[in-house]
Structures are given as structure tokens and as C-alpha cells.
Amino acid sequence: MEKIRLGINREQQNGSYGTLGMPYLLNVLKDSDFFDIYLHDEFIKTSRDMRGTTLFCNDKKVYLDFWEYPTPTYQVPVYEYGFDLVIKLQDKHVDIDKVHKYLSRKRMLPKSKEELQA
């Protein structure tokens, strides 16, 4: 079986600033026999940026957010980066009207309801 090529951020490969679960999960991925691991330097600057990480899985860009708050995922730099997949490990279902109102009010991600829904 061919291994999946997985890129992990060089600075975050052993976790980041005490982000709960990040060291464990990244080490599980690194130690797994399923991946051909390489290190990269891609990093998205946002508020609370150390709570998320960029992974490259073969030719796909994946953003993995460990934090239970809207940041870092729901911010313009993450939205505009063009990720193929965003995984927010601690998220809850909230009605799109409330999401839109909150993100607009905080000026975190000023997009229409339709853009946010997509």
C-alpha cells in the first residue's frame, strides 16, 4: 500500500503553546505507518493562530483547528487561503443567522450568510 504524503508544520510538529491535544495528535500522525511525513513552514497568521495548524495531505491543503472558540478558523486569512478541508475539532452547531451576526459584529469574517453557509 502506498503511503499518504503528509506535511506537518516544522514549528508545530511537537505541539504549539500548550494547545490541548495538538502534541498528541500530531505525534500519532508522525508515528503512524500510514504516512510519509515531511516538514513545511506554511503558517496562517490570525488571532490565536497557534491553536490551529496547516497540514498537506498529498495535494490537498487541510486546516486543523484544536480550539473551542471561533478563532482561528473563522477569520479572513483562513477563509481566503483556499483550504480543501477545514477540521474544527471543537465546534457546535449554531444557526447561520447567529453565526453571521456574531462574525460580522466582531469583524472576524465579514461575509454574507450565503458565503458562510457554503
PDB file of N, CA and C in Angstrom:
ATOM      1  N   MET A   1       0.845  -1.188   0.000  1.00  0.00           N
ATOM      2  CA  MET A   1       0.000   0.000   0.000  1.00  0.00           C
ATOM      3  C   MET A   1       0.887   1.248   0.000  1.00  0.00           C
ATOM      4  N   GLU A   2       0.557   2.185  -0.870  1.00  0.00           N
ATOM      5  CA  GLU A   2       1.317   3.424  -0.964  1.00  0.00           C
ATOM      6  C   GLU A   2       0.963   4.346   0.208  1.00  0.00           C
ATOM      7  N   LYS A   3       1.994   4.906   0.821  1.00  0.00           N
ATOM      8  CA  LYS A   3       1.764   5.803   1.961  1.00  0.00           C
ATOM      9  C   LYS A   3       1.275   7.163   1.474  1.00  0.00           C
ATOM     10  N   ILE A   4       0.451   7.784   2.289  1.00  0.00           N
ATOM     11  CA  ILE A   4      -0.030   9.140   2.027  1.00  0.00           C
ATOM     12  C   ILE A   4       1.079  10.100   2.420  1.00  0.00           C
ATOM     13  N   ARG A   5       1.358  11.061   1.560  1.00  0.00           N
ATOM     14  CA  ARG A   5       2.382  12.073   1.857  1.00  0.00           C
ATOM     15  C   ARG A   5       1.730  13.152   2.716  1.00  0.00           C
ATOM     16  N   LEU A   6       2.249  13.335   3.930  1.00  0.00           N
ATOM     17  CA  LEU A   6       1.647  14.263   4.891  1.00  0.00           C
ATOM     18  C   LEU A   6       2.662  15.294   5.349  1.00  0.00           C
ATOM     19  N   GLY A   7       2.347  16.566   5.106  1.00  0.00           N
ATOM     20  CA  GLY A   7       3.200  17.669   5.533  1.00  0.00           C
ATOM     21  C   GLY A   7       2.707  18.251   6.839  1.00  0.00           C
ATOM     22  N   ILE A   8       3.623  18.365   7.802  1.00  0.00           N
ATOM     23  CA  ILE A   8       3.325  18.934   9.123  1.00  0.00           C
ATOM     24  C   ILE A   8       4.213  20.155   9.321  1.00  0.00           C
ATOM     25  N   ASN A   9       3.655  21.198   9.922  1.00  0.00           N
ATOM     26  CA  ASN A   9       4.409  22.425  10.163  1.00  0.00           C
ATOM     27  C   ASN A   9       5.612  22.144  11.057  1.00  0.00           C
ATOM     28  N   ARG A  10       6.768  22.612  10.623  1.00  0.00           N
ATOM     29  CA  ARG A  10       8.031  22.384  11.316  1.00  0.00           C
ATOM     30  C   ARG A  10       8.002  22.903  12.760  1.00  0.00           C
ATOM     31  N   GLU A  11       7.452  24.095  12.970  1.00  0.00           N
ATOM     32  CA  GLU A  11       7.422  24.705  14.301  1.00  0.00           C
ATOM     33  C   GLU A  11       6.386  24.063  15.218  1.00  0.00           C
ATOM     34  N   GLN A  12       5.363  23.461  14.628  1.00  0.00           N
ATOM     35  CA  GLN A  12       4.271  22.897  15.422  1.00  0.00           C
ATOM     36  C   GLN A  12       4.317  21.372  15.502  1.00  0.00           C
ATOM     37  N   GLN A  13       5.336  20.753  14.989  1.00  0.00           N
ATOM     38  CA  GLN A  13       5.361  19.293  14.908  1.00  0.00           C
ATOM     39  C   GLN A  13       5.266  18.602  16.261  1.00  0.00           C
ATOM     40  N   ASN A  14       5.642  19.284  17.331  1.00  0.00           N
ATOM     41  CA  ASN A  14       5.538  18.693  18.666  1.00  0.00           C
ATOM     42  C   ASN A  14       4.492  19.404  19.512  1.00  0.00           C
ATOM     43  N   GLY A  15       3.545  20.058  18.860  1.00  0.00           N
ATOM     44  CA  GLY A  15       2.519  20.795  19.591  1.00  0.00           C
ATOM     45  C   GLY A  15       2.826  22.274  19.543  1.00  0.00           C
ATOM     46  N   SER A  16       1.936  23.074  20.104  1.00  0.00           N
ATOM     47  CA  SER A  16       2.104  24.508  19.993  1.00  0.00           C
ATOM     48  C   SER A  16       1.528  25.224  21.209  1.00  0.00           C
ATOM     49  N   TYR A  17       2.375  25.865  21.968  1.00  0.00           N
ATOM     50  CA  TYR A  17       1.963  26.729  23.075  1.00  0.00           C
ATOM     51  C   TYR A  17       0.952  26.081  24.013  1.00  0.00           C
ATOM     52  N   GLY A  18       1.096  24.806  24.253  1.00  0.00           N
ATOM     53  CA  GLY A  18       0.212  24.122  25.184  1.00  0.00           C
ATOM     54  C   GLY A  18      -1.192  23.888  24.660  1.00  0.00           C
ATOM     55  N   THR A  19      -1.360  23.921  23.346  1.00  0.00           N
ATOM     56  CA  THR A  19      -2.681  23.671  22.776  1.00  0.00           C
ATOM     57  C   THR A  19      -3.091  22.238  23.073  1.00  0.00           C
ATOM     58  N   LEU A  20      -4.146  22.094  23.842  1.00  0.00           N
ATOM     59  CA  LEU A  20      -4.603  20.789  24.298  1.00  0.00           C
ATOM     60  C   LEU A  20      -4.877  19.847  23.122  1.00  0.00           C
ATOM     61  N   GLY A  21      -4.221  18.707  23.111  1.00  0.00           N
ATOM     62  CA  GLY A  21      -4.435  17.689  22.100  1.00  0.00           C
ATOM     63  C   GLY A  21      -3.520  17.777  20.895  1.00  0.00           C
ATOM     64  N   MET A  22      -2.952  18.948  20.623  1.00  0.00           N
ATOM     65  CA  MET A  22      -2.121  19.100  19.428  1.00  0.00           C
ATOM     66  C   MET A  22      -0.867  18.225  19.475  1.00  0.00           C
ATOM     67  N   PRO A  23      -0.086  18.248  20.568  1.00  0.00           N
ATOM     68  CA  PRO A  23       1.109  17.395  20.575  1.00  0.00           C
ATOM     69  C   PRO A  23       0.759  15.919  20.392  1.00  0.00           C
ATOM     70  N   TYR A  24      -0.284  15.476  21.060  1.00  0.00           N
ATOM     71  CA  TYR A  24      -0.680  14.069  20.987  1.00  0.00           C
ATOM     72  C   TYR A  24      -1.064  13.687  19.560  1.00  0.00           C
ATOM     73  N   LEU A  25      -1.971  14.456  18.950  1.00  0.00           N
ATOM     74  CA  LEU A  25      -2.475  14.103  17.635  1.00  0.00           C
ATOM     75  C   LEU A  25      -1.385  14.182  16.567  1.00  0.00           C
ATOM     76  N   LEU A  26      -0.572  15.230  16.600  1.00  0.00           N
ATOM     77  CA  LEU A  26       0.486  15.346  15.596  1.00  0.00           C
ATOM     78  C   LEU A  26       1.510  14.232  15.738  1.00  0.00           C
ATOM     79  N   ASN A  27       1.802  13.828  16.964  1.00  0.00           N
ATOM     80  CA  ASN A  27       2.733  12.715  17.164  1.00  0.00           C
ATOM     81  C   ASN A  27       2.129  11.381  16.730  1.00  0.00           C
ATOM     82  N   VAL A  28       0.835  11.202  16.920  1.00  0.00           N
ATOM     83  CA  VAL A  28       0.169   9.992  16.431  1.00  0.00           C
ATOM     84  C   VAL A  28       0.293   9.932  14.912  1.00  0.00           C
ATOM     85  N   LEU A  29       0.060  11.055  14.241  1.00  0.00           N
ATOM     86  CA  LEU A  29       0.192  11.093  12.786  1.00  0.00           C
ATOM     87  C   LEU A  29       1.624  10.801  12.353  1.00  0.00           C
ATOM     88  N   LYS A  30       2.600  11.442  13.028  1.00  0.00           N
ATOM     89  CA  LYS A  30       4.011  11.245  12.674  1.00  0.00           C
ATOM     90  C   LYS A  30       4.457   9.809  12.889  1.00  0.00           C
ATOM     91  N   ASP A  31       3.972   9.175  13.937  1.00  0.00           N
ATOM     92  CA  ASP A  31       4.395   7.822  14.276  1.00  0.00           C
ATOM     93  C   ASP A  31       3.612   6.740  13.531  1.00  0.00           C
ATOM     94  N   SER A  32       2.552   7.145  12.840  1.00  0.00           N
ATOM     95  CA  SER A  32       1.715   6.184  12.128  1.00  0.00           C
ATOM     96  C   SER A  32       2.464   5.622  10.923  1.00  0.00           C
ATOM     97  N   ASP A  33       2.155   4.416  10.582  1.00  0.00           N
ATOM     98  CA  ASP A  33       2.761   3.764   9.428  1.00  0.00           C
ATOM     99  C   ASP A  33       2.032   4.117   8.126  1.00  0.00           C
ATOM    100  N   PHE A  34       0.970   4.920   8.212  1.00  0.00           N
ATOM    101  CA  PHE A  34       0.179   5.257   7.035  1.00  0.00           C
ATOM    102  C   PHE A  34       0.746   6.433   6.243  1.00  0.00           C
ATOM    103  N   PHE A  35       1.668   7.196   6.859  1.00  0.00           N
ATOM    104  CA  PHE A  35       2.092   8.451   6.252  1.00  0.00           C
ATOM    105  C   PHE A  35       3.582   8.506   5.972  1.00  0.00           C
ATOM    106  N   ASP A  36       3.897   9.199   4.883  1.00  0.00           N
ATOM    107  CA  ASP A  36       5.262   9.584   4.568  1.00  0.00           C
ATOM    108  C   ASP A  36       5.351  11.052   4.987  1.00  0.00           C
ATOM    109  N   ILE A  37       5.951  11.309   6.138  1.00  0.00           N
ATOM    110  CA  ILE A  37       5.941  12.639   6.759  1.00  0.00           C
ATOM    111  C   ILE A  37       7.055  13.514   6.200  1.00  0.00           C
ATOM    112  N   TYR A  38       6.703  14.786   5.964  1.00  0.00           N
ATOM    113  CA  TYR A  38       7.712  15.810   5.663  1.00  0.00           C
ATOM    114  C   TYR A  38       7.310  17.072   6.422  1.00  0.00           C
ATOM    115  N   LEU A  39       8.250  17.971   6.599  1.00  0.00           N
ATOM    116  CA  LEU A  39       8.003  19.209   7.357  1.00  0.00           C
ATOM    117  C   LEU A  39       7.922  20.397   6.404  1.00  0.00           C
ATOM    118  N   HIS A  40       7.061  21.345   6.739  1.00  0.00           N
ATOM    119  CA  HIS A  40       6.896  22.560   5.933  1.00  0.00           C
ATOM    120  C   HIS A  40       6.862  23.769   6.860  1.00  0.00           C
ATOM    121  N   ASP A  41       6.875  24.961   6.262  1.00  0.00           N
ATOM    122  CA  ASP A  41       6.887  26.208   7.033  1.00  0.00           C
ATOM    123  C   ASP A  41       5.641  27.061   6.834  1.00  0.00           C
ATOM    124  N   GLU A  42       4.605  26.538   6.202  1.00  0.00           N
ATOM    125  CA  GLU A  42       3.362  27.293   5.995  1.00  0.00           C
ATOM    126  C   GLU A  42       2.688  27.554   7.336  1.00  0.00           C
ATOM    127  N   PHE A  43       2.271  28.814   7.540  1.00  0.00           N
ATOM    128  CA  PHE A  43       1.601  29.183   8.784  1.00  0.00           C
ATOM    129  C   PHE A  43       0.667  30.344   8.498  1.00  0.00           C
ATOM    130  N   ILE A  44      -0.560  30.243   8.941  1.00  0.00           N
ATOM    131  CA  ILE A  44      -1.564  31.283   8.722  1.00  0.00           C
ATOM    132  C   ILE A  44      -1.597  32.188   9.949  1.00  0.00           C
ATOM    133  N   LYS A  45      -1.330  33.490   9.755  1.00  0.00           N
ATOM    134  CA  LYS A  45      -1.359  34.457  10.856  1.00  0.00           C
ATOM    135  C   LYS A  45      -2.793  34.935  11.088  1.00  0.00           C
ATOM    136  N   THR A  46      -3.311  34.630  12.278  1.00  0.00           N
ATOM    137  CA  THR A  46      -4.634  35.075  12.701  1.00  0.00           C
ATOM    138  C   THR A  46      -4.575  35.320  14.208  1.00  0.00           C
ATOM    139  N   SER A  47      -5.681  35.730  14.758  1.00  0.00           N
ATOM    140  CA  SER A  47      -5.805  35.776  16.204  1.00  0.00           C
ATOM    141  C   SER A  47      -5.842  34.335  16.704  1.00  0.00           C
ATOM    142  N   ARG A  48      -5.070  34.025  17.718  1.00  0.00           N
ATOM    143  CA  ARG A  48      -4.986  32.669  18.282  1.00  0.00           C
ATOM    144  C   ARG A  48      -4.491  31.651  17.251  1.00  0.00           C
ATOM    145  N   ASP A  49      -3.610  32.098  16.357  1.00  0.00           N
ATOM    146  CA  ASP A  49      -3.130  31.239  15.275  1.00  0.00           C
ATOM    147  C   ASP A  49      -2.421  29.980  15.742  1.00  0.00           C
ATOM    148  N   MET A  50      -1.854  30.007  16.936  1.00  0.00           N
ATOM    149  CA  MET A  50      -1.132  28.831  17.432  1.00  0.00           C
ATOM    150  C   MET A  50      -2.068  27.676  17.785  1.00  0.00           C
ATOM    151  N   ARG A  51      -3.373  27.914  17.765  1.00  0.00           N
ATOM    152  CA  ARG A  51      -4.358  26.877  18.097  1.00  0.00           C
ATOM    153  C   ARG A  51      -4.790  26.055  16.889  1.00  0.00           C
ATOM    154  N   GLY A  52      -4.274  26.410  15.716  1.00  0.00           N
ATOM    155  CA  GLY A  52      -4.577  25.668  14.501  1.00  0.00           C
ATOM    156  C   GLY A  52      -3.295  25.368  13.747  1.00  0.00           C
ATOM    157  N   THR A  53      -3.356  24.434  12.826  1.00  0.00           N
ATOM    158  CA  THR A  53      -2.177  24.081  12.046  1.00  0.00           C
ATOM    159  C   THR A  53      -2.572  23.706  10.629  1.00  0.00           C
ATOM    160  N   THR A  54      -1.634  23.885   9.720  1.00  0.00           N
ATOM    161  CA  THR A  54      -1.830  23.538   8.321  1.00  0.00           C
ATOM    162  C   THR A  54      -1.161  22.204   8.034  1.00  0.00           C
ATOM    163  N   LEU A  55      -1.918  21.314   7.439  1.00  0.00           N
ATOM    164  CA  LEU A  55      -1.397  20.016   7.013  1.00  0.00           C
ATOM    165  C   LEU A  55      -1.540  19.924   5.498  1.00  0.00           C
ATOM    166  N   PHE A  56      -0.612  19.254   4.864  1.00  0.00           N
ATOM    167  CA  PHE A  56      -0.723  18.975   3.435  1.00  0.00           C
ATOM    168  C   PHE A  56      -0.828  17.467   3.283  1.00  0.00           C
ATOM    169  N   CYS A  57      -1.932  17.015   2.757  1.00  0.00           N
ATOM    170  CA  CYS A  57      -2.202  15.584   2.607  1.00  0.00           C
ATOM    171  C   CYS A  57      -2.227  15.294   1.107  1.00  0.00           C
ATOM    172  N   ASN A  58      -1.144  14.680   0.623  1.00  0.00           N
ATOM    173  CA  ASN A  58      -0.911  14.536  -0.818  1.00  0.00           C
ATOM    174  C   ASN A  58      -0.996  15.926  -1.445  1.00  0.00           C
ATOM    175  N   ASP A  59      -1.938  16.190  -2.299  1.00  0.00           N
ATOM    176  CA  ASP A  59      -2.018  17.516  -2.928  1.00  0.00           C
ATOM    177  C   ASP A  59      -3.130  18.382  -2.345  1.00  0.00           C
ATOM    178  N   LYS A  60      -3.642  18.025  -1.177  1.00  0.00           N
ATOM    179  CA  LYS A  60      -4.737  18.765  -0.538  1.00  0.00           C
ATOM    180  C   LYS A  60      -4.236  19.565   0.656  1.00  0.00           C
ATOM    181  N   LYS A  61      -4.817  20.771   0.826  1.00  0.00           N
ATOM    182  CA  LYS A  61      -4.489  21.639   1.957  1.00  0.00           C
ATOM    183  C   LYS A  61      -5.566  21.474   3.021  1.00  0.00           C
ATOM    184  N   VAL A  62      -5.140  21.137   4.235  1.00  0.00           N
ATOM    185  CA  VAL A  62      -6.073  20.879   5.335  1.00  0.00           C
ATOM    186  C   VAL A  62      -5.723  21.797   6.505  1.00  0.00           C
ATOM    187  N   TYR A  63      -6.750  22.444   7.063  1.00  0.00           N
ATOM    188  CA  TYR A  63      -6.552  23.260   8.253  1.00  0.00           C
ATOM    189  C   TYR A  63      -7.165  22.510   9.426  1.00  0.00           C
ATOM    190  N   LEU A  64      -6.400  22.341  10.485  1.00  0.00           N
ATOM    191  CA  LEU A  64      -6.844  21.605  11.663  1.00  0.00           C
ATOM    192  C   LEU A  64      -6.842  22.556  12.861  1.00  0.00           C
ATOM    193  N   ASP A  65      -8.035  22.853  13.381  1.00  0.00           N
ATOM    194  CA  ASP A  65      -8.216  23.800  14.479  1.00  0.00           C
ATOM    195  C   ASP A  65      -8.571  23.026  15.748  1.00  0.00           C
ATOM    196  N   PHE A  66      -7.781  23.218  16.785  1.00  0.00           N
ATOM    197  CA  PHE A  66      -7.958  22.497  18.047  1.00  0.00           C
ATOM    198  C   PHE A  66      -8.772  23.282  19.077  1.00  0.00           C
ATOM    199  N   TRP A  67      -9.044  24.560  18.831  1.00  0.00           N
ATOM    200  CA  TRP A  67      -9.608  25.406  19.874  1.00  0.00           C
ATOM    201  C   TRP A  67     -11.119  25.433  19.854  1.00  0.00           C
ATOM    202  N   GLU A  68     -11.725  25.635  21.022  1.00  0.00           N
ATOM    203  CA  GLU A  68     -13.183  25.604  21.127  1.00  0.00           C
ATOM    204  C   GLU A  68     -13.846  26.935  20.804  1.00  0.00           C
ATOM    205  N   TYR A  69     -13.084  27.963  20.543  1.00  0.00           N
ATOM    206  CA  TYR A  69     -13.631  29.282  20.227  1.00  0.00           C
ATOM    207  C   TYR A  69     -13.612  29.521  18.719  1.00  0.00           C
ATOM    208  N   PRO A  70     -14.311  30.553  18.227  1.00  0.00           N
ATOM    209  CA  PRO A  70     -14.369  30.786  16.777  1.00  0.00           C
ATOM    210  C   PRO A  70     -12.997  30.995  16.118  1.00  0.00           C
ATOM    211  N   THR A  71     -12.078  31.627  16.835  1.00  0.00           N
ATOM    212  CA  THR A  71     -10.750  31.804  16.261  1.00  0.00           C
ATOM    213  C   THR A  71      -9.961  30.523  16.461  1.00  0.00           C
ATOM    214  N   PRO A  72      -9.055  30.166  15.639  1.00  0.00           N
ATOM    215  CA  PRO A  72      -8.592  30.873  14.453  1.00  0.00           C
ATOM    216  C   PRO A  72      -9.367  30.572  13.170  1.00  0.00           C
ATOM    217  N   THR A  73     -10.223  29.569  13.148  1.00  0.00           N
ATOM    218  CA  THR A  73     -10.872  29.148  11.902  1.00  0.00           C
ATOM    219  C   THR A  73     -11.697  30.236  11.241  1.00  0.00           C
ATOM    220  N   TYR A  74     -12.542  30.901  11.988  1.00  0.00           N
ATOM    221  CA  TYR A  74     -13.491  31.835  11.389  1.00  0.00           C
ATOM    222  C   TYR A  74     -12.889  33.223  11.238  1.00  0.00           C
ATOM    223  N   GLN A  75     -11.807  33.297  10.488  1.00  0.00           N
ATOM    224  CA  GLN A  75     -11.162  34.577  10.213  1.00  0.00           C
ATOM    225  C   GLN A  75     -10.775  34.639   8.738  1.00  0.00           C
ATOM    226  N   VAL A  76     -10.665  35.849   8.227  1.00  0.00           N
ATOM    227  CA  VAL A  76     -10.426  36.075   6.805  1.00  0.00           C
ATOM    228  C   VAL A  76      -9.197  35.332   6.271  1.00  0.00           C
ATOM    229  N   PRO A  77      -8.022  35.369   6.926  1.00  0.00           N
ATOM    230  CA  PRO A  77      -6.864  34.673   6.346  1.00  0.00           C
ATOM    231  C   PRO A  77      -7.098  33.171   6.121  1.00  0.00           C
ATOM    232  N   VAL A  78      -7.812  32.524   7.018  1.00  0.00           N
ATOM    233  CA  VAL A  78      -8.104  31.097   6.856  1.00  0.00           C
ATOM    234  C   VAL A  78      -9.098  30.911   5.715  1.00  0.00           C
ATOM    235  N   TYR A  79     -10.104  31.738   5.678  1.00  0.00           N
ATOM    236  CA  TYR A  79     -11.126  31.673   4.628  1.00  0.00           C
ATOM    237  C   TYR A  79     -10.501  31.859   3.245  1.00  0.00           C
ATOM    238  N   GLU A  80      -9.592  32.831   3.135  1.00  0.00           N
ATOM    239  CA  GLU A  80      -9.019  33.179   1.833  1.00  0.00           C
ATOM    240  C   GLU A  80      -7.857  32.285   1.414  1.00  0.00           C
ATOM    241  N   TYR A  81      -7.342  31.461   2.295  1.00  0.00           N
ATOM    242  CA  TYR A  81      -6.195  30.614   1.962  1.00  0.00           C
ATOM    243  C   TYR A  81      -6.545  29.539   0.932  1.00  0.00           C
ATOM    244  N   GLY A  82      -7.806  29.165   0.878  1.00  0.00           N
ATOM    245  CA  GLY A  82      -8.244  28.179  -0.103  1.00  0.00           C
ATOM    246  C   GLY A  82      -8.023  26.743   0.326  1.00  0.00           C
ATOM    247  N   PHE A  83      -8.287  26.459   1.591  1.00  0.00           N
ATOM    248  CA  PHE A  83      -8.145  25.096   2.080  1.00  0.00           C
ATOM    249  C   PHE A  83      -9.139  24.170   1.389  1.00  0.00           C
ATOM    250  N   ASP A  84      -8.721  22.945   1.170  1.00  0.00           N
ATOM    251  CA  ASP A  84      -9.614  21.932   0.625  1.00  0.00           C
ATOM    252  C   ASP A  84     -10.510  21.358   1.713  1.00  0.00           C
ATOM    253  N   LEU A  85     -10.008  21.385   2.942  1.00  0.00           N
ATOM    254  CA  LEU A  85     -10.761  20.856   4.073  1.00  0.00           C
ATOM    255  C   LEU A  85     -10.378  21.623   5.332  1.00  0.00           C
ATOM    256  N   VAL A  86     -11.373  22.021   6.102  1.00  0.00           N
ATOM    257  CA  VAL A  86     -11.146  22.645   7.406  1.00  0.00           C
ATOM    258  C   VAL A  86     -11.771  21.730   8.448  1.00  0.00           C
ATOM    259  N   ILE A  87     -10.963  21.320   9.421  1.00  0.00           N
ATOM    260  CA  ILE A  87     -11.443  20.466  10.501  1.00  0.00           C
ATOM    261  C   ILE A  87     -11.374  21.265  11.789  1.00  0.00           C
ATOM    262  N   LYS A  88     -12.518  21.534  12.375  1.00  0.00           N
ATOM    263  CA  LYS A  88     -12.592  22.221  13.656  1.00  0.00           C
ATOM    264  C   LYS A  88     -12.990  21.161  14.669  1.00  0.00           C
ATOM    265  N   LEU A  89     -12.039  20.748  15.498  1.00  0.00           N
ATOM    266  CA  LEU A  89     -12.275  19.629  16.403  1.00  0.00           C
ATOM    267  C   LEU A  89     -13.313  19.924  17.473  1.00  0.00           C
ATOM    268  N   GLN A  90     -13.416  21.176  17.891  1.00  0.00           N
ATOM    269  CA  GLN A  90     -14.383  21.534  18.932  1.00  0.00           C
ATOM    270  C   GLN A  90     -15.312  22.616  18.383  1.00  0.00           C
ATOM    271  N   ASP A  91     -16.377  22.201  17.770  1.00  0.00           N
ATOM    272  CA  ASP A  91     -17.331  23.148  17.200  1.00  0.00           C
ATOM    273  C   ASP A  91     -18.724  22.680  17.581  1.00  0.00           C
ATOM    274  N   LYS A  92     -19.644  23.602  17.625  1.00  0.00           N
ATOM    275  CA  LYS A  92     -21.017  23.238  17.929  1.00  0.00           C
ATOM    276  C   LYS A  92     -21.911  23.808  16.844  1.00  0.00           C
ATOM    277  N   HIS A  93     -23.051  23.181  16.664  1.00  0.00           N
ATOM    278  CA  HIS A  93     -23.986  23.660  15.654  1.00  0.00           C
ATOM    279  C   HIS A  93     -24.640  24.948  16.157  1.00  0.00           C
ATOM    280  N   VAL A  94     -24.552  25.972  15.336  1.00  0.00           N
ATOM    281  CA  VAL A  94     -25.191  27.249  15.639  1.00  0.00           C
ATOM    282  C   VAL A  94     -25.919  27.682  14.369  1.00  0.00           C
ATOM    283  N   ASP A  95     -27.104  28.198  14.531  1.00  0.00           N
ATOM    284  CA  ASP A  95     -27.902  28.673  13.410  1.00  0.00           C
ATOM    285  C   ASP A  95     -27.105  29.695  12.594  1.00  0.00           C
ATOM    286  N   ILE A  96     -27.209  29.630  11.263  1.00  0.00           N
ATOM    287  CA  ILE A  96     -26.430  30.503  10.378  1.00  0.00           C
ATOM    288  C   ILE A  96     -26.699  31.986  10.636  1.00  0.00           C
ATOM    289  N   ASP A  97     -27.917  32.342  11.047  1.00  0.00           N
ATOM    290  CA  ASP A  97     -28.213  33.743  11.343  1.00  0.00           C
ATOM    291  C   ASP A  97     -27.377  34.237  12.524  1.00  0.00           C
ATOM    292  N   LYS A  98     -27.260  33.420  13.556  1.00  0.00           N
ATOM    293  CA  LYS A  98     -26.454  33.793  14.723  1.00  0.00           C
ATOM    294  C   LYS A  98     -24.969  33.836  14.372  1.00  0.00           C
ATOM    295  N   VAL A  99     -24.521  32.873  13.571  1.00  0.00           N
ATOM    296  CA  VAL A  99     -23.120  32.860  13.145  1.00  0.00           C
ATOM    297  C   VAL A  99     -22.798  34.127  12.372  1.00  0.00           C
ATOM    298  N   HIS A 100     -23.649  34.458  11.410  1.00  0.00           N
ATOM    299  CA  HIS A 100     -23.438  35.643  10.588  1.00  0.00           C
ATOM    300  C   HIS A 100     -23.408  36.914  11.444  1.00  0.00           C
ATOM    301  N   LYS A 101     -24.356  37.027  12.346  1.00  0.00           N
ATOM    302  CA  LYS A 101     -24.429  38.204  13.213  1.00  0.00           C
ATOM    303  C   LYS A 101     -23.167  38.337  14.074  1.00  0.00           C
ATOM    304  N   TYR A 102     -22.722  37.242  14.679  1.00  0.00           N
ATOM    305  CA  TYR A 102     -21.542  37.258  15.550  1.00  0.00           C
ATOM    306  C   TYR A 102     -20.269  37.595  14.779  1.00  0.00           C
ATOM    307  N   LEU A 103     -20.038  36.895  13.669  1.00  0.00           N
ATOM    308  CA  LEU A 103     -18.803  37.111  12.913  1.00  0.00           C
ATOM    309  C   LEU A 103     -18.760  38.499  12.289  1.00  0.00           C
ATOM    310  N   SER A 104     -19.909  39.027  11.897  1.00  0.00           N
ATOM    311  CA  SER A 104     -19.965  40.387  11.349  1.00  0.00           C
ATOM    312  C   SER A 104     -19.736  41.427  12.436  1.00  0.00           C
ATOM    313  N   ARG A 105     -20.390  41.234  13.573  1.00  0.00           N
ATOM    314  CA  ARG A 105     -20.266  42.183  14.690  1.00  0.00           C
ATOM    315  C   ARG A 105     -18.822  42.268  15.190  1.00  0.00           C
ATOM    316  N   LYS A 106     -18.153  41.127  15.261  1.00  0.00           N
ATOM    317  CA  LYS A 106     -16.765  41.087  15.737  1.00  0.00           C
ATOM    318  C   LYS A 106     -15.761  41.408  14.627  1.00  0.00           C
ATOM    319  N   ARG A 107     -16.269  41.596  13.395  1.00  0.00           N
ATOM    320  CA  ARG A 107     -15.434  41.858  12.229  1.00  0.00           C
ATOM    321  C   ARG A 107     -14.379  40.766  12.020  1.00  0.00           C
ATOM    322  N   MET A 108     -14.769  39.549  12.324  1.00  0.00           N
ATOM    323  CA  MET A 108     -13.847  38.417  12.174  1.00  0.00           C
ATOM    324  C   MET A 108     -13.879  37.862  10.757  1.00  0.00           C
ATOM    325  N   LEU A 109     -15.079  37.717  10.209  1.00  0.00           N
ATOM    326  CA  LEU A 109     -15.232  37.152   8.881  1.00  0.00           C
ATOM    327  C   LEU A 109     -16.442  37.818   8.232  1.00  0.00           C
ATOM    328  N   PRO A 110     -16.251  39.015   7.678  1.00  0.00           N
ATOM    329  CA  PRO A 110     -17.375  39.778   7.124  1.00  0.00           C
ATOM    330  C   PRO A 110     -17.818  39.237   5.766  1.00  0.00           C
ATOM    331  N   LYS A 111     -18.567  38.144   5.797  1.00  0.00           N
ATOM    332  CA  LYS A 111     -19.085  37.512   4.578  1.00  0.00           C
ATOM    333  C   LYS A 111     -20.587  37.415   4.684  1.00  0.00           C
ATOM    334  N   SER A 112     -21.239  37.240   3.545  1.00  0.00           N
ATOM    335  CA  SER A 112     -22.698  37.091   3.535  1.00  0.00           C
ATOM    336  C   SER A 112     -23.086  35.739   4.140  1.00  0.00           C
ATOM    337  N   LYS A 113     -24.351  35.613   4.476  1.00  0.00           N
ATOM    338  CA  LYS A 113     -24.851  34.343   5.025  1.00  0.00           C
ATOM    339  C   LYS A 113     -24.629  33.220   4.008  1.00  0.00           C
ATOM    340  N   GLU A 114     -24.840  33.534   2.743  1.00  0.00           N
ATOM    341  CA  GLU A 114     -24.675  32.518   1.702  1.00  0.00           C
ATOM    342  C   GLU A 114     -23.215  32.044   1.609  1.00  0.00           C
ATOM    343  N   GLU A 115     -22.282  32.996   1.698  1.00  0.00           N
ATOM    344  CA  GLU A 115     -20.861  32.621   1.663  1.00  0.00           C
ATOM    345  C   GLU A 115     -20.486  31.780   2.876  1.00  0.00           C
ATOM    346  N   LEU A 116     -20.980  32.161   4.037  1.00  0.00           N
ATOM    347  CA  LEU A 116     -20.702  31.395   5.244  1.00  0.00           C
ATOM    348  C   LEU A 116     -21.316  30.002   5.170  1.00  0.00           C
ATOM    349  N   GLN A 117     -22.506  29.901   4.640  1.00  0.00           N
ATOM    350  CA  GLN A 117     -23.173  28.606   4.522  1.00  0.00           C
ATOM    351  C   GLN A 117     -22.378  27.677   3.611  1.00  0.00           C
ATOM    352  N   ALA A 118     -21.853  28.247   2.514  1.00  0.00           N
ATOM    353  CA  ALA A 118     -21.068  27.437   1.559  1.00  0.00           C
ATOM    354  C   ALA A 118     -19.812  26.926   2.237  1.00  0.00           C
TER     355      ALA A 118
END
